């Protein structure tokens, strides 16, 4: 143990020395009047991939019709001479019509070779090689470049060219250090592999792991395409309060805080539902919101206490209309973001192009557990079945609660391909319209893909008398120990009494959707800054 501590202490001492060297280099720059931190802007004309694409197109145009050199039958020396001559001729043609570029990014690699060197610059879109010659940028600038560290940020002006090895690069004519990095990046070959550190220092993860950057770029694209899809259906994006006196609309424990200015206890919202429905009452017929909600619950691979939810409400439709919208939107997103409706998650192909399967909750339980709850008479019979199948429940649970417990135990794990699970028990759906043909069930569905619940939708309850009775049942459940139960919301009931048209509504977990479309294994992989336990001081 003592030897290990001594080794760690030596490593820390080496790191501290390297950090001191970087700060000394910064001081030298500042003393020389070249403090990079006083620079306020830099004009970029290109990103790395733009340079490569533009040069390739320019090259094809200028060299059109030029054949490859014939080296058949030549010895190695002759081949080399022919290929060198061909390269020089091509280079001469391209240099006569150069593409001037100005890029900016972080230096991730440097190889110094006397009077000429190479480095690699990484920017938003990728990376590109830069050729740095003393005669091109000047002796003083070249000496400063040789002292630069991996992680420093540069602005580079020059022109694009192709090296003899075929790599499109930039011939630097001017280099400007824009930021001096005072920390040491992880070793490039291994990247940042410590999962905990990747989540805590996402900024380093984005630098070192291109895959992470691509996930979050794709996340932004998903949100953009969701908005495009809903805009095409005449939905209106709105914003509603995050701090509320009554956190309703979902079964979850809220975070609580205190509003000093009003001297009132308030909660962070757990759902977007009740305020969006108020807007439907007000005559905004198609509304949606994408925003953060907060649930004081556990953290695992699919749950984070702070997450992104989208809810939308459409007047004059029902849960069948929400099914059509959902199936169309998922297919649209897959095509736009992934380029195909057949996506792969963890090696399993999921087909979003086929019509989504539909099962009632009771049908699913009958299929996967062999029990027909339509034949179960009452709460006592349901609890007896739960005992026989070792399903844990609470005394307050009813037949509807038991049905849901059976579904969670036997069915969810079977639902890989897109499947709408419909017609839930009324006891677990306090804001949903009853089915006219069976008042013990409601017009509700959940979409399952890859065993995950992807969304939850209703034919919204708009009967204020029925809604008050449902709220009363929720108040009773809370008093009986259900900390996730809803509470009566008098202002919402008042809105319903004014009159809400028949409405279909739905909520989507955006983070889980991003996980699916990016083949990400944990919710923390798609949250830029996931919830983490504080490090001990």
Protein backbone atom coordinates (compact mmCIF):
# COMPACT_ATOMS: atom_id res chain seq x y z
CA UNK A 1 0.00 0.00 0.00
CA UNK A 2 2.81 2.39 0.91
CA UNK A 3 4.49 1.66 -2.45
CA UNK A 4 1.23 2.38 -4.30
CA UNK A 5 0.69 5.64 -2.42
CA UNK A 6 4.25 6.63 -3.21
CA UNK A 7 3.67 5.87 -6.90
CA UNK A 8 0.43 7.91 -6.97
CA UNK A 9 2.17 10.74 -5.18
CA UNK A 10 4.92 10.72 -7.79
CA UNK A 11 2.38 10.81 -10.64
CA UNK A 12 0.57 13.75 -9.04
CA UNK A 13 3.87 15.57 -8.64
CA UNK A 14 4.61 15.03 -12.36
CA UNK A 15 1.15 16.33 -13.30
CA UNK A 16 1.58 19.38 -11.10
CA UNK A 17 4.88 20.13 -12.82
CA UNK A 18 3.29 19.84 -16.27
CA UNK A 19 0.47 22.17 -15.20
CA UNK A 20 3.05 24.66 -13.93
CA UNK A 21 4.85 24.55 -17.28
CA UNK A 22 1.61 25.49 -19.05
CA UNK A 23 1.05 28.44 -16.76
CA UNK A 24 4.64 29.54 -17.27
CA UNK A 25 4.08 29.45 -21.04
CA UNK A 26 0.99 31.63 -20.63
CA UNK A 27 2.97 34.12 -18.56
CA UNK A 28 5.68 34.24 -21.25
CA UNK A 29 3.02 35.01 -23.86
CA UNK A 30 1.51 37.72 -21.68
CA UNK A 31 4.92 39.25 -20.96
CA UNK A 32 5.56 39.32 -24.71
CA UNK A 33 2.30 41.16 -25.32
CA UNK A 34 0.66 38.12 -26.92
CA UNK A 35 -1.93 37.19 -24.31
CA UNK A 36 -4.41 34.92 -26.15
CA UNK A 37 -7.18 35.77 -23.69
CA UNK A 38 -7.44 39.36 -24.92
CA UNK A 39 -8.58 38.16 -28.36
CA UNK A 40 -12.33 38.65 -28.66
CA UNK A 41 -13.17 37.11 -32.05
CA UNK A 42 -11.87 35.17 -34.99
CA UNK A 43 -13.40 35.01 -38.45
CA UNK A 44 -14.03 31.41 -39.56
CA UNK A 45 -14.78 30.80 -43.21
CA UNK A 46 -14.85 26.99 -43.03
CA UNK A 47 -15.13 23.99 -40.75
CA UNK A 48 -12.93 20.96 -41.30
CA UNK A 49 -15.44 18.93 -43.30
CA UNK A 50 -16.35 21.98 -45.38
CA UNK A 51 -12.72 22.34 -46.43
CA UNK A 52 -12.55 18.69 -47.50
CA UNK A 53 -15.82 18.81 -49.40
CA UNK A 54 -15.03 22.06 -51.21
CA UNK A 55 -11.52 20.97 -52.12
CA UNK A 56 -12.76 17.62 -53.46
CA UNK A 57 -15.35 19.33 -55.67
CA UNK A 58 -12.79 21.91 -56.86
CA UNK A 59 -10.27 19.17 -57.62
CA UNK A 60 -12.79 17.14 -59.64
CA UNK A 61 -13.57 20.22 -61.70
CA UNK A 62 -9.97 21.25 -62.40
CA UNK A 63 -8.61 17.76 -62.97
CA UNK A 64 -11.58 16.41 -64.93
CA UNK A 65 -10.48 14.04 -67.66
CA UNK A 66 -6.98 13.61 -66.27
CA UNK A 67 -6.08 9.92 -66.19
CA UNK A 68 -4.11 8.11 -63.54
CA UNK A 69 -0.39 7.65 -64.34
CA UNK A 70 0.56 4.36 -66.02
CA UNK A 71 3.20 2.61 -63.89
CA UNK A 72 2.72 -0.91 -65.20
CA UNK A 73 6.05 -2.65 -65.85
CA UNK A 74 8.12 -0.02 -64.04
CA UNK A 75 10.51 -0.77 -61.22
CA UNK A 76 10.11 0.85 -57.81
CA UNK A 77 12.38 3.80 -58.53
CA UNK A 78 10.67 4.51 -61.83
CA UNK A 79 7.23 4.22 -60.24
CA UNK A 80 8.22 6.68 -57.54
CA UNK A 81 9.48 9.18 -60.09
CA UNK A 82 6.34 8.92 -62.25
CA UNK A 83 4.04 9.25 -59.26
CA UNK A 84 6.01 12.21 -57.88
CA UNK A 85 5.84 13.98 -61.24
CA UNK A 86 2.11 13.32 -61.46
CA UNK A 87 1.57 14.65 -57.93
CA UNK A 88 3.61 17.77 -58.65
CA UNK A 89 1.67 18.44 -61.84
CA UNK A 90 -1.66 18.00 -60.06
CA UNK A 91 -0.47 20.15 -57.17
CA UNK A 92 0.67 22.85 -59.58
CA UNK A 93 -2.75 22.92 -61.24
CA UNK A 94 -4.54 23.14 -57.89
CA UNK A 95 -2.15 25.72 -56.39
CA UNK A 96 -2.78 27.97 -59.38
CA UNK A 97 -6.40 28.20 -58.25
CA UNK A 98 -6.15 27.91 -54.44
CA UNK A 99 -9.04 27.70 -51.98
CA UNK A 100 -8.32 30.19 -49.19
CA UNK A 101 -9.62 29.04 -45.82
CA UNK A 102 -9.77 30.28 -42.26
CA UNK A 103 -10.52 27.65 -39.62
CA UNK A 104 -10.48 27.60 -35.82
CA UNK A 105 -10.30 24.73 -33.40
CA UNK A 106 -8.40 22.77 -30.77
CA UNK A 107 -4.99 21.26 -31.49
CA UNK A 108 -5.22 17.53 -30.76
CA UNK A 109 -1.91 16.33 -32.22
CA UNK A 110 1.44 17.87 -33.12
CA UNK A 111 4.52 16.44 -34.85
CA UNK A 112 7.50 18.80 -35.10
CA UNK A 113 10.03 18.03 -37.84
CA UNK A 114 12.70 20.73 -38.07
CA UNK A 115 11.59 23.52 -40.36
CA UNK A 116 8.18 22.01 -41.10
CA UNK A 117 5.62 20.34 -38.87
CA UNK A 118 2.14 18.88 -38.87
CA UNK A 119 -0.71 19.28 -36.41
CA UNK A 120 -4.32 18.19 -36.26
CA UNK A 121 -7.07 20.70 -35.57
CA UNK A 122 -10.48 19.57 -34.25
CA UNK A 123 -13.60 21.69 -34.64
CA UNK A 124 -17.36 21.23 -34.41
CA UNK A 125 -17.64 19.03 -37.50
CA UNK A 126 -14.48 16.94 -37.30
CA UNK A 127 -10.75 17.36 -37.71
CA UNK A 128 -8.20 18.27 -40.38
CA UNK A 129 -4.45 18.10 -40.77
CA UNK A 130 -2.48 21.35 -40.93
CA UNK A 131 0.96 21.71 -42.48
CA UNK A 132 3.00 24.31 -40.63
CA UNK A 133 6.23 25.49 -42.29
CA UNK A 134 8.63 28.04 -40.83
CA UNK A 135 9.07 29.77 -44.18
CA UNK A 136 5.31 30.14 -44.60
CA UNK A 137 4.30 31.54 -41.19
CA UNK A 138 7.57 33.19 -40.15
CA UNK A 139 10.35 32.24 -37.78
CA UNK A 140 8.85 33.88 -34.68
CA UNK A 141 5.40 32.35 -35.22
CA UNK A 142 6.96 28.95 -35.90
CA UNK A 143 8.96 29.09 -32.68
CA UNK A 144 5.75 29.94 -30.79
CA UNK A 145 3.93 27.05 -32.49
CA UNK A 146 6.61 24.59 -31.41
CA UNK A 147 5.99 25.63 -27.79
CA UNK A 148 2.22 25.16 -28.07
CA UNK A 149 0.50 22.37 -26.14
CA UNK A 150 -2.11 19.80 -27.06
CA UNK A 151 -5.47 21.38 -26.19
CA UNK A 152 -4.54 24.93 -27.22
CA UNK A 153 -7.07 26.59 -29.52
CA UNK A 154 -5.82 28.17 -32.76
CA UNK A 155 -7.12 30.21 -35.62
CA UNK A 156 -5.43 29.22 -38.89
CA UNK A 157 -5.45 30.95 -42.26
CA UNK A 158 -4.07 29.32 -45.36
CA UNK A 159 -5.14 27.26 -48.35
CA UNK A 160 -6.27 23.69 -48.90
CA UNK A 161 -4.10 21.10 -50.61
CA UNK A 162 -3.72 17.35 -50.88
CA UNK A 163 -0.59 15.67 -49.51
CA UNK A 164 1.33 12.96 -51.34
CA UNK A 165 -0.42 10.40 -49.13
CA UNK A 166 -3.76 11.71 -50.39
CA UNK A 167 -4.91 13.55 -47.25
CA UNK A 168 -6.67 16.88 -47.76
CA UNK A 169 -4.90 19.34 -45.49
CA UNK A 170 -4.40 23.05 -44.88
CA UNK A 171 -1.13 24.80 -45.70
CA UNK A 172 -0.90 27.36 -42.90
CA UNK A 173 0.08 30.90 -43.77
CA UNK A 174 -0.91 32.46 -40.47
CA UNK A 175 -1.47 30.92 -37.02
CA UNK A 176 -3.04 32.72 -34.06
CA UNK A 177 -3.33 31.21 -30.60
CA UNK A 178 -6.84 32.04 -29.42
CA UNK A 179 -6.87 30.19 -26.09
CA UNK A 180 -4.11 28.69 -23.96
CA UNK A 181 -5.20 25.39 -22.40
CA UNK A 182 -4.00 25.19 -18.80
CA UNK A 183 -5.18 21.63 -18.19
CA UNK A 184 -4.02 18.31 -19.64
CA UNK A 185 -6.39 16.37 -21.89
CA UNK A 186 -6.67 12.59 -21.56
CA UNK A 187 -4.32 10.61 -23.77
CA UNK A 188 -5.86 10.67 -27.27
CA UNK A 189 -5.43 6.98 -28.13
CA UNK A 190 -7.46 5.77 -25.16
CA UNK A 191 -9.79 8.76 -24.98
CA UNK A 192 -11.86 9.55 -21.91
CA UNK A 193 -13.08 6.09 -20.87
CA UNK A 194 -13.98 6.66 -17.21
CA UNK A 195 -17.79 6.73 -17.36
CA UNK A 196 -18.28 8.76 -14.19
CA UNK A 197 -15.78 11.38 -15.37
CA UNK A 198 -17.43 11.53 -18.80
CA UNK A 199 -20.72 12.55 -17.15
CA UNK A 200 -19.14 14.96 -14.65
CA UNK A 201 -16.86 16.63 -17.19
CA UNK A 202 -18.99 16.46 -20.31
CA UNK A 203 -16.90 19.21 -21.88
CA UNK A 204 -13.87 16.89 -21.88
CA UNK A 205 -15.99 13.98 -23.10
CA UNK A 206 -17.17 16.06 -26.09
CA UNK A 207 -13.55 16.89 -26.96
CA UNK A 208 -12.19 13.36 -26.64
CA UNK A 209 -15.09 11.20 -27.82
CA UNK A 210 -16.52 11.99 -31.24
CA UNK A 211 -19.34 9.50 -30.61
CA UNK A 212 -20.60 11.58 -27.69
CA UNK A 213 -20.56 14.74 -29.76
CA UNK A 214 -22.51 13.00 -32.53
CA UNK A 215 -25.19 11.85 -30.04
CA UNK A 216 -25.87 15.39 -28.90
CA UNK A 217 -25.80 16.80 -32.40
CA UNK A 218 -28.38 14.14 -33.30
CA UNK A 219 -30.41 15.01 -30.20
CA UNK A 220 -30.66 18.58 -31.42
CA UNK A 221 -31.70 17.31 -34.86
CA UNK A 222 -34.42 15.13 -33.30
CA UNK A 223 -35.90 18.13 -31.47
CA UNK A 224 -35.74 20.20 -34.64
CA UNK A 225 -37.55 17.52 -36.65
CA UNK A 226 -40.20 17.04 -33.94
CA UNK A 227 -40.98 20.72 -34.23
CA UNK A 228 -41.00 20.52 -38.03
CA UNK A 229 -43.43 17.60 -37.91
CA UNK A 230 -45.81 19.30 -35.48
CA UNK A 231 -45.57 22.63 -37.28
CA UNK A 232 -46.67 20.76 -40.40
CA UNK A 233 -49.80 19.72 -38.50
CA UNK A 234 -50.53 23.27 -37.32
CA UNK A 235 -49.53 22.76 -33.68
CA UNK A 236 -48.53 25.79 -31.62
CA UNK A 237 -45.54 25.60 -29.26
CA UNK A 238 -46.19 27.16 -25.85
CA UNK A 239 -44.54 27.51 -22.43
CA UNK A 240 -46.16 26.85 -19.06
CA UNK A 241 -44.99 27.31 -15.44
CA UNK A 242 -42.31 25.14 -13.83
CA UNK A 243 -43.06 26.31 -10.28
CA UNK A 244 -46.58 25.27 -9.34
CA UNK A 245 -48.73 25.07 -6.23
CA UNK A 246 -50.24 21.73 -7.28
CA UNK A 247 -47.95 19.32 -9.16
CA UNK A 248 -50.42 17.12 -11.01
CA UNK A 249 -50.77 15.27 -14.27
CA UNK A 250 -48.63 12.23 -13.40
CA UNK A 251 -48.01 9.69 -10.66
CA UNK A 252 -44.74 10.93 -9.15
CA UNK A 253 -43.30 12.58 -6.05
CA UNK A 254 -42.49 16.24 -6.67
CA UNK A 255 -39.53 18.30 -5.51
CA UNK A 256 -40.64 20.99 -3.08
CA UNK A 257 -39.26 24.47 -2.53
CA UNK A 258 -40.31 27.83 -1.08
CA UNK A 259 -41.21 31.02 -2.91
CA UNK A 260 -39.78 33.78 -0.69
CA UNK A 261 -41.49 36.71 -2.42
CA UNK A 262 -44.93 35.15 -1.93
CA UNK A 263 -44.09 33.27 1.28
CA UNK A 264 -45.59 30.13 -0.23
CA UNK A 265 -44.44 26.55 -0.58
CA UNK A 266 -44.36 25.49 -4.22
CA UNK A 267 -43.35 22.42 -6.21
CA UNK A 268 -41.43 21.78 -9.39
CA UNK A 269 -43.76 20.44 -12.06
CA UNK A 270 -43.92 16.71 -12.67
CA UNK A 271 -45.96 17.04 -15.85
CA UNK A 272 -47.11 19.59 -18.44
CA UNK A 273 -50.65 18.32 -18.68
CA UNK A 274 -52.98 20.47 -16.61
CA UNK A 275 -51.79 23.84 -17.91
CA UNK A 276 -51.83 22.68 -21.53
CA UNK A 277 -55.43 21.51 -21.09
CA UNK A 278 -56.32 24.94 -19.77
CA UNK A 279 -55.10 26.29 -23.12
CA UNK A 280 -57.39 23.87 -24.97
CA UNK A 281 -60.24 25.28 -22.86
CA UNK A 282 -59.11 28.75 -23.96
CA UNK A 283 -59.51 27.81 -27.61
CA UNK A 284 -55.93 27.03 -28.66
CA UNK A 285 -56.90 23.85 -30.45
CA UNK A 286 -53.44 22.29 -31.02
CA UNK A 287 -50.69 22.98 -28.49
CA UNK A 288 -47.45 21.34 -27.43
CA UNK A 289 -44.59 22.01 -25.06
CA UNK A 290 -41.08 20.57 -24.86
CA UNK A 291 -39.63 21.22 -21.42
CA UNK A 292 -37.97 19.98 -18.29
CA UNK A 293 -40.00 18.22 -15.63
CA UNK A 294 -38.81 17.04 -12.23
CA UNK A 295 -39.66 13.85 -10.35
CA UNK A 296 -38.19 13.02 -6.97
CA UNK A 297 -37.46 9.40 -7.76
CA UNK A 298 -34.61 6.97 -8.34
CA UNK A 299 -31.81 7.16 -10.86
CA UNK A 300 -31.10 4.27 -13.24
CA UNK A 301 -30.26 3.64 -16.89
CA UNK A 302 -33.66 4.99 -18.03
CA UNK A 303 -34.56 7.49 -15.30
CA UNK A 304 -33.13 10.84 -14.27
CA UNK A 305 -34.92 13.11 -11.75
CA UNK A 306 -34.72 16.00 -14.22
CA UNK A 307 -35.70 15.06 -17.75
CA UNK A 308 -37.25 16.40 -20.95
CA UNK A 309 -40.90 15.75 -21.64
CA UNK A 310 -43.04 16.72 -24.59
CA UNK A 311 -46.80 16.85 -24.24
CA UNK A 312 -49.26 17.80 -26.95
CA UNK A 313 -53.03 18.22 -26.97
CA UNK A 314 -55.38 18.34 -29.95
CA UNK A 315 -59.02 19.31 -29.71
CA UNK A 316 -61.73 17.29 -31.45
CA UNK A 317 -59.81 14.02 -31.62
CA UNK A 318 -59.29 11.01 -29.34
CA UNK A 319 -56.68 8.41 -28.48
CA UNK A 320 -57.08 6.83 -31.93
CA UNK A 321 -56.00 10.17 -33.41
CA UNK A 322 -53.02 10.22 -31.05
CA UNK A 323 -52.03 6.73 -32.24
CA UNK A 324 -52.01 7.86 -35.86
CA UNK A 325 -49.99 10.97 -34.99
CA UNK A 326 -47.48 8.98 -32.92
CA UNK A 327 -46.91 6.27 -35.50
CA UNK A 328 -46.47 8.89 -38.22
CA UNK A 329 -44.11 10.99 -36.13
CA UNK A 330 -41.85 8.08 -35.10
CA UNK A 331 -41.59 6.97 -38.72
CA UNK A 332 -40.86 10.54 -39.84
CA UNK A 333 -38.13 10.99 -37.21
CA UNK A 334 -36.43 7.70 -38.09
CA UNK A 335 -36.33 8.64 -41.77
CA UNK A 336 -35.10 12.19 -41.15
CA UNK A 337 -32.56 11.45 -38.41
CA UNK A 338 -31.42 7.88 -39.17
CA UNK A 339 -32.15 7.75 -42.89
CA UNK A 340 -34.21 4.56 -42.51
CA UNK A 341 -37.24 3.22 -40.68
CA UNK A 342 -35.30 0.08 -39.74
CA UNK A 343 -33.12 1.09 -36.81
CA UNK A 344 -30.78 -0.99 -34.68
CA UNK A 345 -30.72 -0.88 -30.90
CA UNK A 346 -28.13 -2.95 -29.07
CA UNK A 347 -27.86 -5.22 -32.10
CA UNK A 348 -31.63 -5.76 -32.44
CA UNK A 349 -33.40 -4.48 -35.55
CA UNK A 350 -36.54 -2.50 -34.81
CA UNK A 351 -38.87 -1.83 -37.72
CA UNK A 352 -40.69 1.49 -37.45
CA UNK A 353 -41.91 1.22 -41.03
CA UNK A 354 -44.50 -1.51 -40.43
CA UNK A 355 -47.90 -0.71 -38.89
CA UNK A 356 -47.48 -0.75 -35.10
CA UNK A 357 -49.07 -3.71 -33.30
CA UNK A 358 -52.11 -3.06 -31.07
CA UNK A 359 -53.11 -5.01 -27.94
CA UNK A 360 -55.35 -4.13 -25.04
CA UNK A 361 -53.66 -4.46 -21.66
CA UNK A 362 -55.85 -7.47 -20.84
CA UNK A 363 -55.03 -9.08 -24.20
CA UNK A 364 -51.31 -8.65 -23.54
CA UNK A 365 -51.61 -10.26 -20.09
CA UNK A 366 -53.62 -13.14 -21.54
CA UNK A 367 -50.98 -13.60 -24.28
CA UNK A 368 -47.89 -13.50 -22.06
CA UNK A 369 -49.19 -14.63 -18.63
CA UNK A 370 -52.13 -16.84 -19.61
CA UNK A 371 -54.59 -14.97 -17.39
CA UNK A 372 -57.81 -13.35 -18.63
CA UNK A 373 -58.61 -10.46 -16.29
CA UNK A 374 -61.90 -9.89 -18.10
CA UNK A 375 -63.01 -13.05 -16.28
CA UNK A 376 -61.72 -11.89 -12.85
CA UNK A 377 -64.71 -10.77 -10.80
CA UNK A 378 -63.40 -8.34 -8.19
CA UNK A 379 -60.52 -7.01 -6.09
CA UNK A 380 -60.38 -10.10 -3.88
CA UNK A 381 -60.09 -12.44 -6.85
CA UNK A 382 -57.39 -10.29 -8.38
CA UNK A 383 -55.38 -10.29 -5.15
CA UNK A 384 -55.73 -14.08 -4.94
CA UNK A 385 -54.20 -14.36 -8.41
CA UNK A 386 -51.40 -12.03 -7.38
CA UNK A 387 -50.64 -14.22 -4.36
CA UNK A 388 -50.56 -17.32 -6.55
CA UNK A 389 -48.11 -15.67 -8.96
CA UNK A 390 -45.96 -14.04 -6.25
CA UNK A 391 -46.89 -10.52 -7.37
CA UNK A 392 -46.37 -8.06 -4.50
CA UNK A 393 -49.13 -5.52 -3.90
CA UNK A 394 -50.43 -3.21 -1.18
CA UNK A 395 -53.68 -3.54 0.76
CA UNK A 396 -55.09 -0.40 -0.88
CA UNK A 397 -54.63 -1.83 -4.39
CA UNK A 398 -57.70 -2.67 -6.45
CA UNK A 399 -58.23 -5.05 -9.36
CA UNK A 400 -57.05 -2.32 -11.76
CA UNK A 401 -53.79 -1.90 -9.85
CA UNK A 402 -53.24 -5.67 -9.89
CA UNK A 403 -53.82 -5.76 -13.66
CA UNK A 404 -51.07 -3.16 -14.07
CA UNK A 405 -48.69 -5.12 -11.81
CA UNK A 406 -49.23 -8.26 -13.89
CA UNK A 407 -48.61 -6.30 -17.08
CA UNK A 408 -45.34 -4.91 -15.73
CA UNK A 409 -44.18 -8.35 -14.58
CA UNK A 410 -45.11 -10.46 -17.60
CA UNK A 411 -45.59 -8.23 -20.64
CA UNK A 412 -43.21 -5.27 -20.83
CA UNK A 413 -40.13 -7.45 -21.35
CA UNK A 414 -41.80 -9.05 -24.41
CA UNK A 415 -42.59 -5.81 -26.27
CA UNK A 416 -39.59 -5.29 -28.55
CA UNK A 417 -41.24 -4.20 -31.81
CA UNK A 418 -43.51 -1.11 -31.69
CA UNK A 419 -46.73 -2.03 -29.86
CA UNK A 420 -49.62 0.11 -28.67
CA UNK A 421 -50.96 -1.18 -25.32
CA UNK A 422 -54.52 0.13 -24.95
CA UNK A 423 -57.52 0.34 -22.65
CA UNK A 424 -55.99 0.56 -19.17
CA UNK A 425 -57.93 0.10 -15.91
CA UNK A 426 -59.69 3.23 -14.73
CA UNK A 427 -57.99 3.05 -11.29
CA UNK A 428 -54.57 3.92 -12.76
CA UNK A 429 -55.85 6.59 -15.18
CA UNK A 430 -57.36 9.49 -13.22
CA UNK A 431 -57.39 11.98 -16.12
CA UNK A 432 -58.74 9.74 -18.89
CA UNK A 433 -62.17 9.21 -20.46
CA UNK A 434 -63.96 5.95 -19.73
CA UNK A 435 -64.62 3.53 -22.55
CA UNK A 436 -68.34 3.78 -23.33
CA UNK A 437 -68.45 0.01 -23.87
CA UNK A 438 -66.68 -0.81 -20.56
CA UNK A 439 -66.60 1.87 -17.82
CA UNK A 440 -63.99 -0.14 -15.86
CA UNK A 441 -61.45 0.79 -18.55
CA UNK A 442 -60.34 4.02 -20.16
CA UNK A 443 -59.39 5.21 -23.64
CA UNK A 444 -55.66 5.25 -23.08
CA UNK A 445 -52.59 3.77 -24.72
CA UNK A 446 -48.88 3.46 -24.08
CA UNK A 447 -46.42 2.81 -26.90
CA UNK A 448 -43.76 0.21 -26.10
CA UNK A 449 -40.56 -0.21 -28.13
CA UNK A 450 -37.54 -2.22 -27.02
CA UNK A 451 -39.47 -3.08 -23.79
CA UNK A 452 -39.63 0.66 -22.94
CA UNK A 453 -42.68 2.84 -22.51
CA UNK A 454 -42.12 5.55 -25.11
CA UNK A 455 -45.27 7.61 -24.61
CA UNK A 456 -48.60 7.74 -22.78
CA UNK A 457 -51.83 9.02 -24.36
CA UNK A 458 -55.50 9.53 -23.51
CA UNK A 459 -58.84 10.52 -24.78
CA UNK A 460 -58.81 13.33 -22.24
CA UNK A 461 -61.42 13.43 -19.51
CA UNK A 462 -63.46 16.61 -19.99
CA UNK A 463 -66.37 15.85 -17.63
CA UNK A 464 -65.78 18.13 -14.59
CA UNK A 465 -68.08 16.07 -12.34
CA UNK A 466 -66.31 12.81 -13.17
CA UNK A 467 -62.93 14.56 -12.83
CA UNK A 468 -63.79 15.80 -9.33
CA UNK A 469 -64.67 12.24 -8.30
CA UNK A 470 -61.36 10.97 -9.72
CA UNK A 471 -59.43 13.66 -7.86
CA UNK A 472 -61.23 12.68 -4.66
CA UNK A 473 -60.12 9.08 -5.17
CA UNK A 474 -56.56 10.32 -5.67
CA UNK A 475 -56.74 12.39 -2.46
CA UNK A 476 -57.89 9.26 -0.63
CA UNK A 477 -55.03 7.24 -2.11
CA UNK A 478 -52.57 9.90 -0.92
CA UNK A 479 -54.02 9.75 2.58
CA UNK A 480 -53.65 5.95 2.44
CA UNK A 481 -49.93 6.29 1.77
CA UNK A 482 -49.58 6.75 -2.01
CA UNK A 483 -47.08 9.62 -2.20
CA UNK A 484 -47.36 9.69 -6.00
CA UNK A 485 -51.12 10.31 -6.08
CA UNK A 486 -52.58 13.47 -7.64
CA UNK A 487 -54.39 16.14 -5.61
CA UNK A 488 -57.59 18.01 -6.35
CA UNK A 489 -56.86 21.06 -8.52
CA UNK A 490 -59.76 23.48 -8.11
CA UNK A 491 -58.64 25.89 -10.81
CA UNK A 492 -58.34 23.05 -13.31
CA UNK A 493 -61.82 21.85 -12.36
CA UNK A 494 -63.08 25.39 -12.90
CA UNK A 495 -61.55 25.34 -16.39
CA UNK A 496 -63.31 22.07 -17.16
CA UNK A 497 -66.60 23.54 -15.95
CA UNK A 498 -66.16 26.38 -18.44
CA UNK A 499 -65.90 23.61 -21.03
CA UNK A 500 -63.11 21.64 -22.74
CA UNK A 501 -63.91 20.09 -26.14
CA UNK A 502 -63.23 16.40 -26.80
CA UNK A 503 -59.44 16.21 -26.83
CA UNK A 504 -56.65 13.75 -27.46
CA UNK A 505 -53.44 14.21 -25.49
CA UNK A 506 -50.06 12.52 -25.25
CA UNK A 507 -46.73 12.75 -23.46
CA UNK A 508 -43.36 11.61 -24.84
CA UNK A 509 -40.14 11.02 -22.93
CA UNK A 510 -37.70 12.83 -25.20
CA UNK A 511 -34.57 11.41 -23.55
CA UNK A 512 -35.75 7.84 -24.06
CA UNK A 513 -36.61 8.63 -27.68
CA UNK A 514 -33.09 9.99 -28.21
CA UNK A 515 -31.65 6.83 -26.61
CA UNK A 516 -33.58 4.72 -29.11
CA UNK A 517 -32.59 6.71 -32.20
CA UNK A 518 -28.90 7.00 -31.18
CA UNK A 519 -28.44 3.43 -29.88
CA UNK A 520 -27.43 4.81 -26.47
CA UNK A 521 -27.42 2.40 -23.55
CA UNK A 522 -28.18 4.80 -20.67
CA UNK A 523 -30.16 8.00 -20.22
CA UNK A 524 -27.01 9.70 -18.93
CA UNK A 525 -25.47 9.19 -22.38
CA UNK A 526 -28.10 11.50 -23.92
CA UNK A 527 -28.20 14.15 -21.16
CA UNK A 528 -25.45 16.72 -21.46
CA UNK A 529 -25.28 17.17 -17.70
CA UNK A 530 -27.04 14.27 -15.93
CA UNK A 531 -27.81 14.28 -12.22
CA UNK A 532 -24.76 13.11 -10.27
CA UNK A 533 -24.09 12.71 -6.58
CA UNK A 534 -21.79 15.48 -5.37
CA UNK A 535 -18.17 14.52 -4.86
CA UNK A 536 -17.00 14.63 -1.28
CA UNK A 537 -15.04 17.74 -0.49
